[in-house]
Protein backbone atom coordinates (compact mmCIF):
# COMPACT_ATOMS: atom_id res chain seq x y z
CA MET A 1 0.05 -0.01 0.02
CA THR A 2 1.45 3.37 -0.86
CA LYS A 3 1.09 6.39 1.49
CA ALA A 4 -0.66 8.44 -1.32
CA LYS A 5 -3.32 5.72 -1.64
CA PHE A 6 -3.85 5.41 2.14
CA LEU A 7 -4.09 9.13 2.50
CA ALA A 8 -6.86 9.53 -0.18
CA PHE A 9 -8.68 6.95 1.62
CA GLU A 10 -8.42 8.80 4.70
CA LYS A 11 -9.50 11.98 3.14
CA VAL A 12 -12.61 10.28 1.94
CA ARG A 13 -13.10 8.79 5.52
CA ARG A 14 -12.75 12.14 7.15
CA SER A 15 -14.84 14.08 4.67
CA GLY A 16 -17.98 11.98 5.33
CA LYS A 17 -18.98 12.01 1.79
CA ALA A 18 -19.35 8.16 1.45
CA ASN A 19 -20.45 5.27 3.49
CA MET A 20 -17.02 3.48 3.80
CA PHE A 21 -18.64 0.10 2.88
CA ASP A 22 -19.92 1.61 -0.48
CA ILE A 23 -16.73 0.67 -2.20
CA THR A 24 -17.78 2.10 -5.60
CA ARG A 25 -18.49 5.48 -4.12
CA LEU A 26 -15.40 5.47 -2.02
CA ARG A 27 -13.23 4.84 -5.13
CA LEU A 28 -15.07 7.65 -7.06
CA ILE A 29 -14.48 10.15 -4.33
CA ALA A 30 -10.81 9.12 -4.01
CA LEU A 31 -10.34 10.06 -7.77
CA THR A 32 -11.29 13.60 -6.61
CA TYR A 33 -8.22 13.24 -4.30
CA GLY A 34 -6.05 12.31 -7.35
CA GLN A 35 -5.74 8.41 -6.44
CA MET A 36 -7.21 5.47 -8.28
CA LEU A 37 -8.10 2.84 -5.54
CA THR A 38 -9.04 -0.62 -6.62
CA GLU A 39 -11.39 -2.73 -4.59
CA LYS A 40 -8.40 -4.69 -3.38
CA ASP A 41 -6.72 -1.58 -2.09
CA CYS A 42 -9.88 -0.52 -0.18
CA PHE A 43 -10.41 -3.81 1.48
CA ASP A 44 -6.54 -4.03 2.26
CA ILE A 45 -6.81 -0.66 3.86
CA MET A 46 -9.99 -1.69 5.97
CA LEU A 47 -8.44 -4.69 7.13
CA ASN A 48 -5.02 -3.16 7.96
CA TYR A 49 -6.10 0.16 8.89
CA ASP A 50 -4.26 0.52 12.22
CA LYS A 51 -0.86 -0.56 10.59
CA TYR A 52 -1.18 1.82 7.94
CA ALA A 53 -2.41 4.71 10.12
CA LEU A 54 0.66 4.22 12.35
CA LYS A 55 2.94 4.01 9.34
CA TYR A 56 1.49 6.93 7.19
CA MET A 57 -0.10 9.24 9.66
CA ALA A 58 2.66 9.77 12.30
CA SER A 59 2.98 13.38 11.25
CA LYS A 60 1.41 15.84 13.52
CA LYS A 61 -0.65 17.25 10.64
CA TRP A 62 -2.59 13.99 10.21
CA ASN A 63 -3.26 13.40 13.87
CA GLN A 64 -4.99 16.58 14.33
CA ARG A 65 -8.90 16.38 14.35
CA LYS A 66 -10.90 18.93 12.18
């Protein structure tokens, strides 16, 4: 999983624009953030979210709640 793909997924999640189990909508919204997510990418992130969050969101910017 790339950092860019994970962060696009996270932007969709934080935006509240999609039910995260609606993979088709999630993927369409991720495109607006510049990333093409596959179904496999989405399920991988869902299953390994904590691991990727620790790896890619360690910076102070991503840990702040908006």
